[in-house]
Amino acid sequence: MRRVSLTLSGIVMLLVAGCGAPPPTDELLNQSLVLTKYAPGVEFSTFHSFYLRPEIRTLKDDGSVAVVDPEKAQPFLDATERNLVSRGYQSLAEADKDSAELAVELDYLAIVSSATWCYSWYDSGYWGYPAWGYYPYYGGCGTDYWRSDMLATHIVDLTSALANPDGGDGGAGGGPSNVPGIWFSGVYGVELNSRDGVDGINQAFTQSPYLSASAK
């Protein structure tokens, strides 16, 4: 399993994972790759609580969104929660999610081979905060043919939404206000029934020592 760790260049309209030159195509078709990115200047130790969305969404061929079978999704959700709790963050239940400082969710994109090696996700009306949208951006993309099945995890800073759940000016007719993405991981080349998915999630946290509720 290859590892890549990059910094985040900015946050705008799209979630894009996959900056930097990829390994040769024949390598990418036969192994997993773990990529992590984070927003510069974020003090991860200032956050204390998170809510993990209890499902994994996936994009269907027609562009619609579906939910992954819960039995397949649970091991990856458990691994994510376990890693965050071990870093000192408190996991909040569904009833308390509106008070969470961080929102965490996983998505899956399954493509056997593709001409693009980036991943885009757009989520208007961020869950729990209808007047807020989610528009992170993680740099540039490249093209190649490779196995691009990807299990993505992104962490969003909800502190602005907590202070103004109605979205302020953005939520009052001017389009949704933005909630910033502050951390992303992509485990490429895995299937949802693969142990590599859990290993990839663990590896993503291993290569992100700054992601901790306690300053190191």
N, C-alpha and C. Protein backbone atom coordinates (compact mmCIF):
# COMPACT_ATOMS: atom_id res chain seq x y z
N MET A 1 0.85 -1.19 0.00
CA MET A 1 0.00 0.00 0.00
C MET A 1 0.88 1.24 0.00
N ARG A 2 0.76 2.06 -1.05
CA ARG A 2 1.56 3.26 -1.15
C ARG A 2 0.96 4.36 -0.29
N ARG A 3 1.80 5.29 0.18
CA ARG A 3 1.34 6.38 1.02
C ARG A 3 1.71 7.71 0.40
N VAL A 4 0.80 8.66 0.45
CA VAL A 4 1.04 10.01 -0.04
C VAL A 4 0.45 10.97 0.97
N SER A 5 1.20 11.98 1.37
CA SER A 5 0.69 12.99 2.29
C SER A 5 0.97 14.35 1.72
N LEU A 6 -0.08 15.15 1.49
CA LEU A 6 0.05 16.46 0.88
C LEU A 6 -0.68 17.48 1.71
N THR A 7 -0.29 18.76 1.59
CA THR A 7 -1.01 19.82 2.27
C THR A 7 -2.11 20.35 1.37
N LEU A 8 -3.09 20.99 1.98
CA LEU A 8 -4.24 21.52 1.26
C LEU A 8 -3.93 22.92 0.79
N SER A 9 -4.19 23.22 -0.50
CA SER A 9 -3.83 24.52 -1.06
C SER A 9 -4.93 25.55 -0.89
N GLY A 10 -6.17 25.16 -0.68
CA GLY A 10 -7.25 26.13 -0.52
C GLY A 10 -8.58 25.43 -0.42
N ILE A 11 -9.63 26.15 -0.08
CA ILE A 11 -10.97 25.59 0.02
C ILE A 11 -11.91 26.45 -0.81
N VAL A 12 -12.49 25.89 -1.89
CA VAL A 12 -13.46 26.61 -2.70
C VAL A 12 -14.63 25.72 -3.03
N MET A 13 -14.85 25.37 -4.30
CA MET A 13 -16.11 24.79 -4.73
C MET A 13 -16.19 23.27 -4.74
N LEU A 14 -15.09 22.55 -4.88
CA LEU A 14 -15.15 21.10 -5.09
C LEU A 14 -14.22 20.37 -4.15
N LEU A 15 -14.53 19.12 -3.88
CA LEU A 15 -13.62 18.22 -3.19
C LEU A 15 -12.86 17.45 -4.25
N VAL A 16 -11.52 17.64 -4.31
CA VAL A 16 -10.73 16.96 -5.32
C VAL A 16 -9.56 16.29 -4.66
N ALA A 17 -9.43 15.00 -4.82
CA ALA A 17 -8.34 14.25 -4.24
C ALA A 17 -7.48 13.70 -5.34
N GLY A 18 -6.15 13.89 -5.25
CA GLY A 18 -5.30 13.27 -6.25
C GLY A 18 -4.25 14.17 -6.83
N CYS A 19 -3.64 15.05 -6.05
CA CYS A 19 -2.60 15.91 -6.57
C CYS A 19 -1.26 15.17 -6.56
N GLY A 20 -0.36 15.60 -7.41
CA GLY A 20 0.94 14.95 -7.49
C GLY A 20 0.94 13.88 -8.55
N ALA A 21 2.08 13.62 -9.13
CA ALA A 21 2.17 12.65 -10.21
C ALA A 21 1.89 11.24 -9.69
N PRO A 22 1.00 10.50 -10.35
CA PRO A 22 0.70 9.14 -9.90
C PRO A 22 1.79 8.18 -10.32
N PRO A 23 1.90 7.04 -9.64
CA PRO A 23 2.85 6.02 -10.07
C PRO A 23 2.45 5.48 -11.43
N PRO A 24 3.32 4.70 -12.09
CA PRO A 24 2.97 4.12 -13.39
C PRO A 24 1.69 3.33 -13.31
N THR A 25 0.96 3.29 -14.44
CA THR A 25 -0.35 2.66 -14.47
C THR A 25 -0.31 1.21 -14.02
N ASP A 26 0.69 0.44 -14.43
CA ASP A 26 0.71 -0.97 -14.06
C ASP A 26 0.84 -1.15 -12.56
N GLU A 27 1.50 -0.21 -11.88
CA GLU A 27 1.58 -0.28 -10.43
C GLU A 27 0.22 0.03 -9.80
N LEU A 28 -0.45 1.06 -10.32
CA LEU A 28 -1.69 1.49 -9.73
C LEU A 28 -2.80 0.45 -9.86
N LEU A 29 -2.71 -0.40 -10.84
CA LEU A 29 -3.73 -1.41 -11.04
C LEU A 29 -3.57 -2.58 -10.09
N ASN A 30 -2.49 -2.61 -9.32
CA ASN A 30 -2.21 -3.78 -8.50
C ASN A 30 -1.96 -3.46 -7.04
N GLN A 31 -2.25 -2.24 -6.60
CA GLN A 31 -2.02 -1.92 -5.21
C GLN A 31 -2.91 -0.77 -4.79
N SER A 32 -3.03 -0.60 -3.47
CA SER A 32 -3.79 0.50 -2.92
C SER A 32 -2.87 1.69 -2.68
N LEU A 33 -3.46 2.86 -2.62
CA LEU A 33 -2.71 4.08 -2.36
C LEU A 33 -3.50 4.89 -1.35
N VAL A 34 -2.83 5.41 -0.33
CA VAL A 34 -3.49 6.22 0.69
C VAL A 34 -2.98 7.65 0.59
N LEU A 35 -3.90 8.57 0.35
CA LEU A 35 -3.55 9.98 0.23
C LEU A 35 -4.27 10.77 1.31
N THR A 36 -3.56 11.67 1.98
CA THR A 36 -4.17 12.52 2.99
C THR A 36 -3.81 13.98 2.73
N LYS A 37 -4.74 14.87 3.04
CA LYS A 37 -4.52 16.30 2.89
C LYS A 37 -5.18 17.03 4.04
N TYR A 38 -4.65 18.22 4.35
CA TYR A 38 -5.26 19.00 5.42
C TYR A 38 -5.15 20.48 5.09
N ALA A 39 -6.05 21.26 5.68
CA ALA A 39 -6.07 22.70 5.46
C ALA A 39 -4.95 23.35 6.25
N PRO A 40 -4.14 24.18 5.61
CA PRO A 40 -3.05 24.84 6.33
C PRO A 40 -3.59 25.81 7.37
N GLY A 41 -2.89 25.91 8.47
CA GLY A 41 -3.26 26.87 9.50
C GLY A 41 -4.31 26.38 10.48
N VAL A 42 -4.84 25.18 10.28
CA VAL A 42 -5.86 24.66 11.19
C VAL A 42 -5.20 24.09 12.44
N GLU A 43 -5.70 24.48 13.59
CA GLU A 43 -5.23 23.93 14.86
C GLU A 43 -6.19 22.82 15.26
N PHE A 44 -5.84 21.61 14.94
CA PHE A 44 -6.74 20.49 15.19
C PHE A 44 -6.97 20.25 16.68
N SER A 45 -6.06 20.74 17.52
CA SER A 45 -6.21 20.55 18.96
C SER A 45 -7.30 21.43 19.55
N THR A 46 -7.82 22.39 18.78
CA THR A 46 -8.86 23.27 19.31
C THR A 46 -10.25 22.64 19.20
N PHE A 47 -10.36 21.51 18.50
CA PHE A 47 -11.64 20.82 18.37
C PHE A 47 -11.71 19.68 19.39
N HIS A 48 -12.93 19.40 19.85
CA HIS A 48 -13.07 18.39 20.89
C HIS A 48 -14.13 17.33 20.59
N SER A 49 -15.09 17.64 19.75
CA SER A 49 -16.20 16.71 19.52
C SER A 49 -16.46 16.54 18.03
N PHE A 50 -17.02 15.39 17.67
CA PHE A 50 -17.35 15.14 16.28
C PHE A 50 -18.60 14.28 16.19
N TYR A 51 -19.25 14.38 15.05
CA TYR A 51 -20.37 13.49 14.74
C TYR A 51 -20.05 12.78 13.44
N LEU A 52 -20.09 11.46 13.47
CA LEU A 52 -19.80 10.64 12.30
C LEU A 52 -21.10 10.24 11.62
N ARG A 53 -21.26 10.62 10.37
CA ARG A 53 -22.46 10.23 9.63
C ARG A 53 -22.53 8.70 9.59
N PRO A 54 -23.65 8.10 10.03
CA PRO A 54 -23.72 6.65 10.20
C PRO A 54 -24.03 5.89 8.92
N GLU A 55 -23.51 6.35 7.80
CA GLU A 55 -23.71 5.68 6.52
C GLU A 55 -22.59 6.11 5.58
N ILE A 56 -22.39 5.33 4.55
CA ILE A 56 -21.44 5.68 3.51
C ILE A 56 -22.22 5.87 2.22
N ARG A 57 -22.05 7.01 1.60
CA ARG A 57 -22.73 7.27 0.34
C ARG A 57 -21.82 6.91 -0.84
N THR A 58 -22.46 6.60 -1.94
CA THR A 58 -21.71 6.27 -3.15
C THR A 58 -22.43 6.88 -4.35
N LEU A 59 -21.66 7.21 -5.37
CA LEU A 59 -22.22 7.76 -6.60
C LEU A 59 -22.55 6.63 -7.56
N LYS A 60 -23.77 6.62 -8.08
CA LYS A 60 -24.17 5.63 -9.06
C LYS A 60 -23.77 6.10 -10.46
N ASP A 61 -23.87 5.20 -11.43
CA ASP A 61 -23.47 5.53 -12.79
C ASP A 61 -24.26 6.69 -13.37
N ASP A 62 -25.51 6.84 -12.95
CA ASP A 62 -26.33 7.92 -13.49
C ASP A 62 -26.14 9.24 -12.74
N GLY A 63 -25.19 9.27 -11.81
CA GLY A 63 -24.90 10.49 -11.07
C GLY A 63 -25.70 10.66 -9.80
N SER A 64 -26.64 9.78 -9.53
CA SER A 64 -27.42 9.87 -8.30
C SER A 64 -26.63 9.29 -7.13
N VAL A 65 -27.10 9.57 -5.93
CA VAL A 65 -26.41 9.14 -4.73
C VAL A 65 -27.16 7.97 -4.09
N ALA A 66 -26.43 6.94 -3.71
CA ALA A 66 -27.00 5.78 -3.03
C ALA A 66 -26.27 5.57 -1.71
N VAL A 67 -26.83 4.74 -0.87
CA VAL A 67 -26.23 4.42 0.43
C VAL A 67 -25.68 3.00 0.38
N VAL A 68 -24.44 2.84 0.81
CA VAL A 68 -23.80 1.53 0.83
C VAL A 68 -24.50 0.63 1.85
N ASP A 69 -24.58 -0.65 1.55
CA ASP A 69 -25.17 -1.62 2.46
C ASP A 69 -24.57 -1.46 3.86
N PRO A 70 -25.40 -1.32 4.90
CA PRO A 70 -24.89 -1.07 6.25
C PRO A 70 -23.88 -2.10 6.74
N GLU A 71 -24.06 -3.37 6.39
CA GLU A 71 -23.12 -4.39 6.85
C GLU A 71 -21.74 -4.19 6.24
N LYS A 72 -21.69 -3.73 5.00
CA LYS A 72 -20.40 -3.45 4.37
C LYS A 72 -19.79 -2.16 4.91
N ALA A 73 -20.65 -1.20 5.22
CA ALA A 73 -20.16 0.11 5.65
C ALA A 73 -19.63 0.12 7.08
N GLN A 74 -20.22 -0.70 7.96
CA GLN A 74 -19.93 -0.58 9.39
C GLN A 74 -18.46 -0.75 9.77
N PRO A 75 -17.72 -1.71 9.21
CA PRO A 75 -16.31 -1.83 9.60
C PRO A 75 -15.49 -0.56 9.32
N PHE A 76 -15.83 0.15 8.24
CA PHE A 76 -15.10 1.36 7.89
C PHE A 76 -15.51 2.53 8.79
N LEU A 77 -16.78 2.58 9.13
CA LEU A 77 -17.25 3.60 10.07
C LEU A 77 -16.65 3.37 11.45
N ASP A 78 -16.61 2.11 11.88
CA ASP A 78 -16.03 1.79 13.19
C ASP A 78 -14.55 2.16 13.24
N ALA A 79 -13.82 1.87 12.17
CA ALA A 79 -12.39 2.18 12.13
C ALA A 79 -12.16 3.68 12.21
N THR A 80 -13.00 4.45 11.52
CA THR A 80 -12.87 5.90 11.54
C THR A 80 -13.15 6.45 12.93
N GLU A 81 -14.25 6.00 13.55
CA GLU A 81 -14.58 6.47 14.89
C GLU A 81 -13.51 6.07 15.89
N ARG A 82 -13.02 4.86 15.78
CA ARG A 82 -12.00 4.38 16.71
C ARG A 82 -10.74 5.23 16.63
N ASN A 83 -10.33 5.59 15.43
CA ASN A 83 -9.12 6.41 15.28
C ASN A 83 -9.31 7.81 15.84
N LEU A 84 -10.47 8.40 15.62
CA LEU A 84 -10.71 9.75 16.13
C LEU A 84 -10.79 9.76 17.65
N VAL A 85 -11.45 8.77 18.23
CA VAL A 85 -11.54 8.70 19.70
C VAL A 85 -10.16 8.49 20.30
N SER A 86 -9.34 7.69 19.64
CA SER A 86 -7.98 7.46 20.15
C SER A 86 -7.13 8.73 20.10
N ARG A 87 -7.54 9.68 19.25
CA ARG A 87 -6.83 10.97 19.17
C ARG A 87 -7.39 11.99 20.15
N GLY A 88 -8.35 11.59 20.97
CA GLY A 88 -8.86 12.47 22.00
C GLY A 88 -10.15 13.19 21.67
N TYR A 89 -10.75 12.90 20.53
CA TYR A 89 -12.01 13.53 20.16
C TYR A 89 -13.19 12.75 20.73
N GLN A 90 -14.23 13.47 21.12
CA GLN A 90 -15.43 12.84 21.67
C GLN A 90 -16.45 12.59 20.57
N SER A 91 -16.92 11.35 20.48
CA SER A 91 -17.93 10.99 19.49
C SER A 91 -19.32 11.29 20.05
N LEU A 92 -20.10 12.05 19.31
CA LEU A 92 -21.45 12.42 19.75
C LEU A 92 -22.50 11.57 19.06
N ALA A 93 -23.56 11.27 19.78
CA ALA A 93 -24.65 10.48 19.24
C ALA A 93 -25.53 11.34 18.34
N GLU A 94 -26.42 10.67 17.62
CA GLU A 94 -27.34 11.35 16.71
C GLU A 94 -28.09 12.49 17.39
N ALA A 95 -28.56 12.25 18.62
CA ALA A 95 -29.35 13.26 19.32
C ALA A 95 -28.56 14.52 19.64
N ASP A 96 -27.23 14.41 19.68
CA ASP A 96 -26.38 15.54 20.06
C ASP A 96 -25.57 16.10 18.89
N LYS A 97 -25.88 15.66 17.66
CA LYS A 97 -25.02 16.02 16.54
C LYS A 97 -24.99 17.52 16.26
N ASP A 98 -26.06 18.25 16.63
CA ASP A 98 -26.09 19.68 16.37
C ASP A 98 -25.08 20.46 17.21
N SER A 99 -24.50 19.82 18.22
CA SER A 99 -23.50 20.50 19.04
C SER A 99 -22.08 20.06 18.70
N ALA A 100 -21.93 19.21 17.69
CA ALA A 100 -20.60 18.73 17.30
C ALA A 100 -19.80 19.83 16.61
N GLU A 101 -18.53 19.92 16.93
CA GLU A 101 -17.64 20.90 16.30
C GLU A 101 -17.16 20.41 14.94
N LEU A 102 -17.08 19.10 14.78
CA LEU A 102 -16.61 18.53 13.52
C LEU A 102 -17.65 17.55 12.98
N ALA A 103 -17.80 17.54 11.68
CA ALA A 103 -18.62 16.54 11.00
C ALA A 103 -17.70 15.64 10.20
N VAL A 104 -17.94 14.36 10.29
CA VAL A 104 -17.09 13.37 9.61
C VAL A 104 -17.98 12.49 8.75
N GLU A 105 -17.60 12.30 7.50
CA GLU A 105 -18.38 11.38 6.67
C GLU A 105 -17.49 10.68 5.65
N LEU A 106 -17.96 9.51 5.25
CA LEU A 106 -17.25 8.68 4.29
C LEU A 106 -18.08 8.54 3.02
N ASP A 107 -17.40 8.52 1.89
CA ASP A 107 -18.02 8.30 0.60
C ASP A 107 -17.21 7.27 -0.17
N TYR A 108 -17.86 6.62 -1.12
CA TYR A 108 -17.17 5.60 -1.91
C TYR A 108 -17.45 5.82 -3.39
N LEU A 109 -16.40 5.76 -4.19
CA LEU A 109 -16.52 5.87 -5.63
C LEU A 109 -15.89 4.65 -6.25
N ALA A 110 -16.66 3.89 -7.00
CA ALA A 110 -16.18 2.63 -7.56
C ALA A 110 -16.08 2.72 -9.07
N ILE A 111 -14.86 2.79 -9.57
CA ILE A 111 -14.59 2.77 -11.01
C ILE A 111 -13.37 1.88 -11.22
N VAL A 112 -13.47 0.89 -12.04
CA VAL A 112 -12.36 -0.04 -12.22
C VAL A 112 -11.18 0.63 -12.89
N SER A 113 -11.42 1.38 -13.95
CA SER A 113 -10.35 2.14 -14.58
C SER A 113 -10.94 3.42 -15.13
N SER A 114 -10.16 4.47 -15.11
CA SER A 114 -10.70 5.77 -15.48
C SER A 114 -9.62 6.64 -16.09
N ALA A 115 -10.04 7.62 -16.87
CA ALA A 115 -9.10 8.56 -17.46
C ALA A 115 -8.79 9.70 -16.51
N THR A 116 -9.43 9.72 -15.36
CA THR A 116 -9.16 10.78 -14.41
C THR A 116 -8.79 10.18 -13.06
N TRP A 117 -7.87 10.83 -12.37
CA TRP A 117 -7.48 10.33 -11.06
C TRP A 117 -7.72 11.38 -9.98
N CYS A 118 -8.82 12.10 -10.15
CA CYS A 118 -9.27 12.98 -9.07
C CYS A 118 -10.70 12.62 -8.71
N TYR A 119 -11.15 13.16 -7.60
CA TYR A 119 -12.46 12.81 -7.09
C TYR A 119 -13.19 14.08 -6.69
N SER A 120 -14.41 14.24 -7.14
CA SER A 120 -15.17 15.44 -6.85
C SER A 120 -16.42 15.10 -6.04
N TRP A 121 -16.73 15.92 -5.07
CA TRP A 121 -17.96 15.75 -4.31
C TRP A 121 -18.53 17.11 -4.00
N TYR A 122 -19.78 17.29 -4.33
CA TYR A 122 -20.48 18.55 -4.08
C TYR A 122 -21.69 18.26 -3.20
N ASP A 123 -21.82 18.96 -2.12
CA ASP A 123 -22.92 18.71 -1.20
C ASP A 123 -23.56 20.04 -0.80
N SER A 124 -24.59 20.44 -1.50
CA SER A 124 -25.31 21.67 -1.12
C SER A 124 -26.32 21.32 -0.03
N GLY A 125 -26.54 22.24 0.88
CA GLY A 125 -27.42 21.96 2.00
C GLY A 125 -26.80 20.90 2.89
N TYR A 126 -25.71 21.24 3.54
CA TYR A 126 -24.98 20.27 4.33
C TYR A 126 -25.87 19.69 5.41
N TRP A 127 -25.81 18.37 5.59
CA TRP A 127 -26.72 17.68 6.50
C TRP A 127 -26.64 18.26 7.91
N GLY A 128 -27.83 18.51 8.46
CA GLY A 128 -27.93 19.11 9.79
C GLY A 128 -27.99 20.62 9.74
N TYR A 129 -27.46 21.22 8.65
CA TYR A 129 -27.47 22.67 8.50
C TYR A 129 -27.90 23.01 7.08
N PRO A 130 -29.24 23.03 6.80
CA PRO A 130 -29.73 23.18 5.42
C PRO A 130 -29.24 24.44 4.72
N ALA A 131 -28.95 25.49 5.47
CA ALA A 131 -28.53 26.74 4.84
C ALA A 131 -27.03 26.78 4.56
N TRP A 132 -26.36 25.70 4.91
CA TRP A 132 -24.91 25.66 4.73
C TRP A 132 -24.55 24.64 3.66
N GLY A 133 -23.58 24.97 2.84
CA GLY A 133 -23.09 24.06 1.81
C GLY A 133 -21.68 23.63 2.11
N TYR A 134 -21.23 22.58 1.41
CA TYR A 134 -19.91 21.99 1.65
C TYR A 134 -19.13 22.05 0.36
N TYR A 135 -18.09 22.90 0.30
CA TYR A 135 -17.36 23.12 -0.95
C TYR A 135 -15.85 23.12 -0.73
N PRO A 136 -15.25 22.03 -0.34
CA PRO A 136 -13.79 22.05 -0.20
C PRO A 136 -13.10 21.81 -1.54
N TYR A 137 -11.86 22.24 -1.62
CA TYR A 137 -11.06 22.06 -2.84
C TYR A 137 -9.66 21.64 -2.43
N TYR A 138 -9.12 20.66 -3.09
CA TYR A 138 -7.83 20.11 -2.68
C TYR A 138 -6.80 20.10 -3.81
N GLY A 139 -6.72 21.14 -4.60
CA GLY A 139 -5.63 21.25 -5.56
C GLY A 139 -5.97 20.76 -6.94
N GLY A 140 -4.96 20.49 -7.76
CA GLY A 140 -5.16 20.14 -9.16
C GLY A 140 -5.30 18.65 -9.39
N CYS A 141 -5.58 18.28 -10.63
CA CYS A 141 -5.78 16.89 -11.02
C CYS A 141 -4.88 16.53 -12.19
N GLY A 142 -4.79 15.26 -12.46
CA GLY A 142 -4.08 14.78 -13.63
C GLY A 142 -4.91 13.71 -14.31
N THR A 143 -4.40 13.14 -15.36
CA THR A 143 -5.13 12.07 -16.05
C THR A 143 -4.25 10.87 -16.27
N ASP A 144 -4.85 9.71 -16.21
CA ASP A 144 -4.16 8.45 -16.43
C ASP A 144 -5.23 7.36 -16.35
N TYR A 145 -4.90 6.16 -16.74
CA TYR A 145 -5.82 5.04 -16.58
C TYR A 145 -5.34 4.21 -15.39
N TRP A 146 -6.20 4.04 -14.41
CA TRP A 146 -5.81 3.29 -13.24
C TRP A 146 -7.05 2.86 -12.48
N ARG A 147 -6.85 1.97 -11.55
CA ARG A 147 -7.95 1.51 -10.72
C ARG A 147 -8.27 2.58 -9.69
N SER A 148 -9.45 3.19 -9.80
CA SER A 148 -9.72 4.36 -8.99
C SER A 148 -10.82 4.16 -7.96
N ASP A 149 -11.16 2.89 -7.66
CA ASP A 149 -12.10 2.67 -6.55
C ASP A 149 -11.55 3.41 -5.34
N MET A 150 -12.35 4.25 -4.69
CA MET A 150 -11.81 5.06 -3.61
C MET A 150 -12.78 5.16 -2.46
N LEU A 151 -12.25 4.97 -1.26
CA LEU A 151 -12.98 5.19 -0.02
C LEU A 151 -12.48 6.50 0.55
N ALA A 152 -13.32 7.51 0.55
CA ALA A 152 -12.92 8.85 0.97
C ALA A 152 -13.48 9.19 2.33
N THR A 153 -12.68 9.87 3.13
CA THR A 153 -13.12 10.40 4.42
C THR A 153 -12.85 11.88 4.44
N HIS A 154 -13.83 12.69 4.79
CA HIS A 154 -13.56 14.10 4.95
C HIS A 154 -14.13 14.61 6.26
N ILE A 155 -13.39 15.54 6.83
CA ILE A 155 -13.75 16.16 8.11
C ILE A 155 -14.02 17.63 7.85
N VAL A 156 -15.16 18.09 8.35
CA VAL A 156 -15.63 19.45 8.11
C VAL A 156 -15.72 20.21 9.43
N ASP A 157 -15.29 21.47 9.40
CA ASP A 157 -15.35 22.34 10.56
C ASP A 157 -16.74 22.98 10.64
N LEU A 158 -17.50 22.62 11.66
CA LEU A 158 -18.87 23.11 11.80
C LEU A 158 -19.00 24.29 12.76
N THR A 159 -17.90 24.86 13.21
CA THR A 159 -18.00 25.90 14.24
C THR A 159 -18.78 27.12 13.76
N SER A 160 -18.61 27.50 12.48
CA SER A 160 -19.37 28.65 11.95
C SER A 160 -20.85 28.32 11.88
N ALA A 161 -21.18 27.10 11.47
CA ALA A 161 -22.57 26.69 11.39
C ALA A 161 -23.20 26.61 12.79
N LEU A 162 -22.42 26.20 13.76
CA LEU A 162 -22.92 26.16 15.13
C LEU A 162 -23.28 27.55 15.62
N ALA A 163 -22.45 28.54 15.25
CA ALA A 163 -22.68 29.91 15.69
C ALA A 163 -23.87 30.54 14.97
N ASN A 164 -24.14 30.08 13.74
CA ASN A 164 -25.22 30.65 12.96
C ASN A 164 -25.86 29.57 12.11
N PRO A 165 -26.69 28.71 12.68
CA PRO A 165 -27.24 27.57 11.95
C PRO A 165 -28.11 27.94 10.76
N ASP A 166 -28.62 29.18 10.72
CA ASP A 166 -29.45 29.61 9.60
C ASP A 166 -28.63 30.04 8.39
N GLY A 167 -27.33 30.11 8.53
CA GLY A 167 -26.48 30.41 7.38
C GLY A 167 -26.22 31.87 7.13
N GLY A 168 -26.76 32.76 7.93
CA GLY A 168 -26.47 34.18 7.76
C GLY A 168 -26.90 34.68 6.39
N ASP A 169 -26.11 35.59 5.83
CA ASP A 169 -26.44 36.19 4.54
C ASP A 169 -26.52 35.14 3.44
N GLY A 170 -25.62 34.16 3.51
CA GLY A 170 -25.62 33.13 2.48
C GLY A 170 -26.88 32.31 2.49
N GLY A 171 -27.40 32.05 3.67
CA GLY A 171 -28.60 31.23 3.77
C GLY A 171 -29.89 32.00 3.57
N ALA A 172 -29.79 33.30 3.40
CA ALA A 172 -30.99 34.13 3.25
C ALA A 172 -31.14 34.60 1.81
N GLY A 173 -31.10 33.66 0.90
CA GLY A 173 -31.35 33.99 -0.49
C GLY A 173 -30.11 34.14 -1.33
N GLY A 174 -28.95 34.20 -0.71
CA GLY A 174 -27.71 34.40 -1.46
C GLY A 174 -26.96 33.11 -1.71
N GLY A 175 -27.63 31.98 -1.57
CA GLY A 175 -26.94 30.71 -1.71
C GLY A 175 -26.41 30.28 -0.36
N PRO A 176 -26.12 29.01 -0.18
CA PRO A 176 -25.67 28.52 1.13
C PRO A 176 -24.30 29.05 1.50
N SER A 177 -24.10 29.28 2.79
CA SER A 177 -22.78 29.62 3.28
C SER A 177 -21.93 28.37 3.28
N ASN A 178 -20.64 28.55 3.32
CA ASN A 178 -19.72 27.42 3.21
C ASN A 178 -19.28 26.90 4.57
N VAL A 179 -19.22 25.59 4.70
CA VAL A 179 -18.53 24.97 5.83
C VAL A 179 -17.23 24.41 5.29
N PRO A 180 -16.09 24.75 5.88
CA PRO A 180 -14.81 24.36 5.29
C PRO A 180 -14.41 22.93 5.61
N GLY A 181 -13.92 22.25 4.62
CA GLY A 181 -13.29 20.95 4.83
C GLY A 181 -11.87 21.16 5.33
N ILE A 182 -11.50 20.46 6.38
CA ILE A 182 -10.17 20.68 6.95
C ILE A 182 -9.27 19.44 6.87
N TRP A 183 -9.84 18.27 6.53
CA TRP A 183 -9.00 17.07 6.39
C TRP A 183 -9.67 16.12 5.43
N PHE A 184 -8.85 15.48 4.62
CA PHE A 184 -9.34 14.52 3.64
C PHE A 184 -8.40 13.32 3.59
N SER A 185 -8.98 12.14 3.43
CA SER A 185 -8.17 10.97 3.11
C SER A 185 -8.84 10.20 1.99
N GLY A 186 -8.05 9.65 1.11
CA GLY A 186 -8.57 8.81 0.04
C GLY A 186 -7.80 7.51 0.00
N VAL A 187 -8.49 6.40 0.15
CA VAL A 187 -7.88 5.08 0.03
C VAL A 187 -8.26 4.57 -1.36
N TYR A 188 -7.31 4.61 -2.26
CA TYR A 188 -7.57 4.25 -3.66
C TYR A 188 -7.28 2.77 -3.91
N GLY A 189 -8.05 2.19 -4.83
CA GLY A 189 -7.80 0.82 -5.25
C GLY A 189 -8.31 -0.22 -4.29
N VAL A 190 -9.43 0.08 -3.60
CA VAL A 190 -9.99 -0.88 -2.65
C VAL A 190 -11.45 -1.16 -2.98
N GLU A 191 -11.93 -2.32 -2.56
CA GLU A 191 -13.34 -2.65 -2.65
C GLU A 191 -13.93 -2.60 -1.25
N LEU A 192 -15.24 -2.45 -1.17
CA LEU A 192 -15.88 -2.32 0.13
C LEU A 192 -15.87 -3.60 0.95
N ASN A 193 -15.56 -4.72 0.34
CA ASN A 193 -15.45 -5.96 1.09
C ASN A 193 -13.99 -6.34 1.32
N SER A 194 -13.12 -5.36 1.21
CA SER A 194 -11.69 -5.61 1.31
C SER A 194 -11.14 -5.14 2.65
N ARG A 195 -10.27 -5.95 3.25
CA ARG A 195 -9.59 -5.57 4.48
C ARG A 195 -8.70 -4.35 4.24
N ASP A 196 -8.29 -4.17 2.99
CA ASP A 196 -7.44 -3.02 2.66
C ASP A 196 -8.13 -1.70 2.98
N GLY A 197 -9.46 -1.68 2.96
CA GLY A 197 -10.18 -0.45 3.28
C GLY A 197 -9.95 -0.02 4.71
N VAL A 198 -10.08 -0.96 5.65
CA VAL A 198 -9.82 -0.66 7.06
C VAL A 198 -8.35 -0.33 7.28
N ASP A 199 -7.47 -1.11 6.66
CA ASP A 199 -6.04 -0.83 6.78
C ASP A 199 -5.71 0.55 6.23
N GLY A 200 -6.37 0.93 5.13
CA GLY A 200 -6.13 2.24 4.54
C GLY A 200 -6.58 3.37 5.44
N ILE A 201 -7.73 3.20 6.09
CA ILE A 201 -8.20 4.21 7.04
C ILE A 201 -7.22 4.35 8.19
N ASN A 202 -6.77 3.23 8.72
CA ASN A 202 -5.78 3.28 9.81
C ASN A 202 -4.50 3.97 9.36
N GLN A 203 -4.07 3.67 8.14
CA GLN A 203 -2.84 4.28 7.61
C GLN A 203 -3.01 5.78 7.43
N ALA A 204 -4.20 6.20 6.99
CA ALA A 204 -4.45 7.63 6.80
C ALA A 204 -4.28 8.40 8.11
N PHE A 205 -4.75 7.83 9.20
CA PHE A 205 -4.57 8.49 10.49
C PHE A 205 -3.13 8.40 10.96
N THR A 206 -2.47 7.29 10.69
CA THR A 206 -1.06 7.15 11.07
C THR A 206 -0.22 8.23 10.42
N GLN A 207 -0.49 8.55 9.16
CA GLN A 207 0.32 9.54 8.47
C GLN A 207 -0.22 10.97 8.68
N SER A 208 -1.12 11.13 9.67
CA SER A 208 -1.66 12.44 10.01
C SER A 208 -1.53 12.69 11.51
N PRO A 209 -0.31 12.75 12.04
CA PRO A 209 -0.12 12.89 13.49
C PRO A 209 -0.64 14.21 14.05
N TYR A 210 -0.80 15.22 13.20
CA TYR A 210 -1.31 16.52 13.62
C TYR A 210 -2.79 16.46 13.96
N LEU A 211 -3.48 15.41 13.52
CA LEU A 211 -4.92 15.29 13.74
C LEU A 211 -5.15 14.72 15.14
N SER A 212 -5.23 15.63 16.11
CA SER A 212 -5.32 15.21 17.50
C SER A 212 -5.98 16.32 18.32
N ALA A 213 -6.78 15.93 19.31
CA ALA A 213 -7.42 16.90 20.19
C ALA A 213 -6.44 17.45 21.21
N SER A 214 -5.30 16.83 21.34
CA SER A 214 -4.27 17.28 22.27
C SER A 214 -3.04 17.66 21.47
N ALA A 215 -2.52 18.84 21.73
CA ALA A 215 -1.34 19.32 21.01
C ALA A 215 -0.19 18.37 21.26
N LYS A 216 0.54 18.01 20.18
CA LYS A 216 1.69 17.12 20.32
C LYS A 216 2.96 17.92 20.55
